[in-house]
Amino acid sequence: MDGSLQPLFFSDRGGSGMTMRGPGGVPQAVRVTVESATKSLERAKVSASEIALFVPHQANVRIMDAVAERLGIPADRVASVIEHTGNTSSASIPIALTDAANSGRLADGDLVLLAGFGAGMTWASAVWRWGGGPVR
């Protein structure tokens, strides 16, 4: 989490959610997601080329594309449902992962990279072996 970015976000009392002031949050979201995903890959001792499916938070297609590109993950290995669901907030990764599994895009043993970020500039990533839990 990065509390120093608080000026980029606000929420009116009684409002319907958090709002971003200008485009300043997009480069930050890309940067922290790439850093988080890279650390997860390093901890799992795998490279991006070994990832069968990248499941990013579905906030914005530009962010998803930029993160995948910087990680070196081709578009055909990115799970995306945003074009059908929009930004579903914290449900976006489980929805995209479920869609990929139901579409036959995952096989037992595949490595899956999950990467999310959210309100207040929080973020996290994990590498999972499909059917086998976290990769250590």
C-alpha atoms as a PDB file:
ATOM      1  CA  MET A   1       0.000   0.000   0.000  1.00  0.00           C
ATOM      2  CA  ASP A   2       1.149   3.541  -0.641  1.00  0.00           C
ATOM      3  CA  GLY A   3      -0.619   6.131   1.519  1.00  0.00           C
ATOM      4  CA  SER A   4       1.359   8.978  -0.054  1.00  0.00           C
ATOM      5  CA  LEU A   5      -0.925   8.723  -3.095  1.00  0.00           C
ATOM      6  CA  GLN A   6      -4.009   9.682  -1.057  1.00  0.00           C
ATOM      7  CA  PRO A   7      -4.319  13.078  -2.814  1.00  0.00           C
ATOM      8  CA  LEU A   8      -5.124  11.233  -6.072  1.00  0.00           C
ATOM      9  CA  PHE A   9      -8.303   9.736  -4.592  1.00  0.00           C
ATOM     10  CA  PHE A  10     -11.312  11.010  -2.694  1.00  0.00           C
ATOM     11  CA  SER A  11     -14.692   9.850  -1.560  1.00  0.00           C
ATOM     12  CA  ASP A  12     -17.512  12.238  -0.772  1.00  0.00           C
ATOM     13  CA  ARG A  13     -19.221  11.528   2.512  1.00  0.00           C
ATOM     14  CA  GLY A  14     -22.330   9.595   1.594  1.00  0.00           C
ATOM     15  CA  GLY A  15     -21.075   9.235  -1.978  1.00  0.00           C
ATOM     16  CA  SER A  16     -21.197   6.129  -4.104  1.00  0.00           C
ATOM     17  CA  GLY A  17     -17.531   5.216  -3.968  1.00  0.00           C
ATOM     18  CA  MET A  18     -14.000   6.371  -4.510  1.00  0.00           C
ATOM     19  CA  THR A  19     -13.121   8.752  -7.330  1.00  0.00           C
ATOM     20  CA  MET A  20      -9.712   9.310  -8.904  1.00  0.00           C
ATOM     21  CA  ARG A  21      -8.540  12.888  -9.449  1.00  0.00           C
ATOM     22  CA  GLY A  22      -7.247  12.950 -12.990  1.00  0.00           C
ATOM     23  CA  PRO A  23      -5.188  10.269 -14.722  1.00  0.00           C
ATOM     24  CA  GLY A  24      -2.433  10.243 -12.091  1.00  0.00           C
ATOM     25  CA  GLY A  25      -3.477   6.890 -10.663  1.00  0.00           C
ATOM     26  CA  VAL A  26      -3.096   4.943 -13.913  1.00  0.00           C
ATOM     27  CA  PRO A  27       0.724   5.092 -14.155  1.00  0.00           C
ATOM     28  CA  GLN A  28       0.939   4.298 -10.442  1.00  0.00           C
ATOM     29  CA  ALA A  29      -1.387   1.293 -10.827  1.00  0.00           C
ATOM     30  CA  VAL A  30       0.710  -0.033 -13.711  1.00  0.00           C
ATOM     31  CA  ARG A  31       3.974   0.498 -11.825  1.00  0.00           C
ATOM     32  CA  VAL A  32       2.917  -1.150  -8.561  1.00  0.00           C
ATOM     33  CA  THR A  33       1.192  -4.054 -10.306  1.00  0.00           C
ATOM     34  CA  VAL A  34       4.284  -4.800 -12.403  1.00  0.00           C
ATOM     35  CA  GLU A  35       6.531  -4.558  -9.327  1.00  0.00           C
ATOM     36  CA  SER A  36       4.234  -6.806  -7.284  1.00  0.00           C
ATOM     37  CA  ALA A  37       3.880  -9.391 -10.058  1.00  0.00           C
ATOM     38  CA  THR A  38       7.633  -9.401 -10.661  1.00  0.00           C
ATOM     39  CA  LYS A  39       8.306 -10.043  -6.962  1.00  0.00           C
ATOM     40  CA  SER A  40       5.802 -12.902  -6.969  1.00  0.00           C
ATOM     41  CA  LEU A  41       7.458 -14.450 -10.026  1.00  0.00           C
ATOM     42  CA  GLU A  42      10.880 -14.132  -8.369  1.00  0.00           C
ATOM     43  CA  ARG A  43       9.655 -15.689  -5.099  1.00  0.00           C
ATOM     44  CA  ALA A  44       8.095 -18.570  -7.032  1.00  0.00           C
ATOM     45  CA  LYS A  45      11.338 -18.946  -9.021  1.00  0.00           C
ATOM     46  CA  VAL A  46       9.526 -18.820 -12.359  1.00  0.00           C
ATOM     47  CA  SER A  47       9.661 -16.484 -15.339  1.00  0.00           C
ATOM     48  CA  ALA A  48       6.793 -14.737 -17.066  1.00  0.00           C
ATOM     49  CA  SER A  49       7.289 -17.054 -20.043  1.00  0.00           C
ATOM     50  CA  GLU A  50       6.258 -19.981 -17.813  1.00  0.00           C
ATOM     51  CA  ILE A  51       2.924 -18.373 -16.906  1.00  0.00           C
ATOM     52  CA  ALA A  52       0.057 -20.098 -18.698  1.00  0.00           C
ATOM     53  CA  LEU A  53      -2.489 -17.457 -17.700  1.00  0.00           C
ATOM     54  CA  PHE A  54      -2.202 -13.944 -16.294  1.00  0.00           C
ATOM     55  CA  VAL A  55      -5.323 -12.848 -14.396  1.00  0.00           C
ATOM     56  CA  PRO A  56      -5.088  -9.128 -13.651  1.00  0.00           C
ATOM     57  CA  HIS A  57      -7.560  -6.933 -11.817  1.00  0.00           C
ATOM     58  CA  GLN A  58     -10.070  -5.862 -14.453  1.00  0.00           C
ATOM     59  CA  ALA A  59     -10.107  -2.109 -13.742  1.00  0.00           C
ATOM     60  CA  ASN A  60      -9.170  -0.762 -17.127  1.00  0.00           C
ATOM     61  CA  VAL A  61      -8.042  -2.355 -20.413  1.00  0.00           C
ATOM     62  CA  ARG A  62      -5.179   0.128 -20.781  1.00  0.00           C
ATOM     63  CA  ILE A  63      -3.797  -0.842 -17.369  1.00  0.00           C
ATOM     64  CA  MET A  64      -4.190  -4.571 -18.067  1.00  0.00           C
ATOM     65  CA  ASP A  65      -2.461  -4.273 -21.445  1.00  0.00           C
ATOM     66  CA  ALA A  66       0.371  -2.119 -20.080  1.00  0.00           C
ATOM     67  CA  VAL A  67       1.055  -4.511 -17.207  1.00  0.00           C
ATOM     68  CA  ALA A  68       1.027  -7.589 -19.456  1.00  0.00           C
ATOM     69  CA  GLU A  69       3.324  -5.881 -21.957  1.00  0.00           C
ATOM     70  CA  ARG A  70       5.829  -4.825 -19.288  1.00  0.00           C
ATOM     71  CA  LEU A  71       5.832  -8.343 -17.852  1.00  0.00           C
ATOM     72  CA  GLY A  72       6.324  -9.852 -21.324  1.00  0.00           C
ATOM     73  CA  ILE A  73       3.068 -11.813 -21.249  1.00  0.00           C
ATOM     74  CA  PRO A  74       1.329 -12.001 -24.644  1.00  0.00           C
ATOM     75  CA  ALA A  75      -2.317 -10.977 -24.954  1.00  0.00           C
ATOM     76  CA  ASP A  76      -3.466 -14.545 -25.646  1.00  0.00           C
ATOM     77  CA  ARG A  77      -2.344 -15.514 -22.123  1.00  0.00           C
ATOM     78  CA  VAL A  78      -4.274 -12.720 -20.374  1.00  0.00           C
ATOM     79  CA  ALA A  79      -7.694 -13.453 -18.870  1.00  0.00           C
ATOM     80  CA  SER A  80     -10.033 -10.583 -19.677  1.00  0.00           C
ATOM     81  CA  VAL A  81     -13.744 -10.251 -18.999  1.00  0.00           C
ATOM     82  CA  ILE A  82     -13.894  -6.482 -18.612  1.00  0.00           C
ATOM     83  CA  GLU A  83     -15.473  -6.093 -22.045  1.00  0.00           C
ATOM     84  CA  HIS A  84     -18.485  -8.075 -20.734  1.00  0.00           C
ATOM     85  CA  THR A  85     -18.553  -7.129 -17.062  1.00  0.00           C
ATOM     86  CA  GLY A  86     -16.940  -3.737 -16.676  1.00  0.00           C
ATOM     87  CA  ASN A  87     -14.935  -3.083 -13.526  1.00  0.00           C
ATOM     88  CA  THR A  88     -16.400  -5.386 -10.886  1.00  0.00           C
ATOM     89  CA  SER A  89     -13.966  -4.185  -8.234  1.00  0.00           C
ATOM     90  CA  SER A  90     -12.646  -6.892  -5.908  1.00  0.00           C
ATOM     91  CA  ALA A  91     -14.664  -9.577  -7.717  1.00  0.00           C
ATOM     92  CA  SER A  92     -12.853  -9.030 -11.022  1.00  0.00           C
ATOM     93  CA  ILE A  93     -10.031 -11.541 -10.539  1.00  0.00           C
ATOM     94  CA  PRO A  94     -12.308 -14.387  -9.366  1.00  0.00           C
ATOM     95  CA  ILE A  95     -14.733 -13.660 -12.227  1.00  0.00           C
ATOM     96  CA  ALA A  96     -11.942 -13.649 -14.842  1.00  0.00           C
ATOM     97  CA  LEU A  97     -10.365 -16.791 -13.362  1.00  0.00           C
ATOM     98  CA  THR A  98     -13.700 -18.620 -13.320  1.00  0.00           C
ATOM     99  CA  ASP A  99     -14.382 -17.589 -16.910  1.00  0.00           C
ATOM    100  CA  ALA A 100     -10.956 -18.865 -18.008  1.00  0.00           C
ATOM    101  CA  ALA A 101     -11.433 -22.169 -16.186  1.00  0.00           C
ATOM    102  CA  ASN A 102     -14.940 -22.638 -17.599  1.00  0.00           C
ATOM    103  CA  SER A 103     -13.626 -21.848 -21.089  1.00  0.00           C
ATOM    104  CA  GLY A 104     -11.007 -24.597 -20.871  1.00  0.00           C
ATOM    105  CA  ARG A 105      -8.054 -22.212 -20.754  1.00  0.00           C
ATOM    106  CA  LEU A 106      -6.474 -23.944 -17.748  1.00  0.00           C
ATOM    107  CA  ALA A 107      -5.060 -27.426 -17.285  1.00  0.00           C
ATOM    108  CA  ASP A 108      -3.808 -29.097 -14.113  1.00  0.00           C
ATOM    109  CA  GLY A 109      -0.267 -27.957 -13.432  1.00  0.00           C
ATOM    110  CA  ASP A 110      -0.550 -24.629 -15.306  1.00  0.00           C
ATOM    111  CA  LEU A 111       1.064 -21.643 -13.610  1.00  0.00           C
ATOM    112  CA  VAL A 112      -1.325 -18.748 -13.055  1.00  0.00           C
ATOM    113  CA  LEU A 113      -0.259 -15.223 -12.116  1.00  0.00           C
ATOM    114  CA  LEU A 114      -2.885 -13.227 -10.214  1.00  0.00           C
ATOM    115  CA  ALA A 115      -2.270  -9.496  -9.775  1.00  0.00           C
ATOM    116  CA  GLY A 116      -4.558  -6.878  -8.317  1.00  0.00           C
ATOM    117  CA  PHE A 117      -4.618  -3.334  -7.065  1.00  0.00           C
ATOM    118  CA  GLY A 118      -7.358  -1.330  -5.495  1.00  0.00           C
ATOM    119  CA  ALA A 119      -8.688   1.716  -3.755  1.00  0.00           C
ATOM    120  CA  GLY A 120      -6.232   3.505  -1.552  1.00  0.00           C
ATOM    121  CA  MET A 121      -3.390   2.219  -3.740  1.00  0.00           C
ATOM    122  CA  THR A 122      -3.164  -1.267  -2.316  1.00  0.00           C
ATOM    123  CA  TRP A 123      -1.853  -4.186  -4.332  1.00  0.00           C
ATOM    124  CA  ALA A 124      -0.922  -7.858  -4.200  1.00  0.00           C
ATOM    125  CA  SER A 125       0.092 -10.694  -6.526  1.00  0.00           C
ATOM    126  CA  ALA A 126       0.478 -14.452  -6.333  1.00  0.00           C
ATOM    127  CA  VAL A 127       1.640 -17.313  -8.526  1.00  0.00           C
ATOM    128  CA  TRP A 128      -0.513 -20.443  -8.308  1.00  0.00           C
ATOM    129  CA  ARG A 129      -0.178 -23.860  -9.823  1.00  0.00           C
ATOM    130  CA  TRP A 130      -3.652 -24.679 -11.147  1.00  0.00           C
ATOM    131  CA  GLY A 131      -4.955 -27.603  -9.162  1.00  0.00           C
ATOM    132  CA  GLY A 132      -2.059 -27.400  -6.761  1.00  0.00           C
ATOM    133  CA  GLY A 133      -2.050 -24.173  -4.729  1.00  0.00           C
ATOM    134  CA  PRO A 134       0.681 -21.561  -4.375  1.00  0.00           C
ATOM    135  CA  VAL A 135       4.092 -22.035  -5.959  1.00  0.00           C
ATOM    136  CA  ARG A 136       6.932 -21.626  -3.467  1.00  0.00           C
END
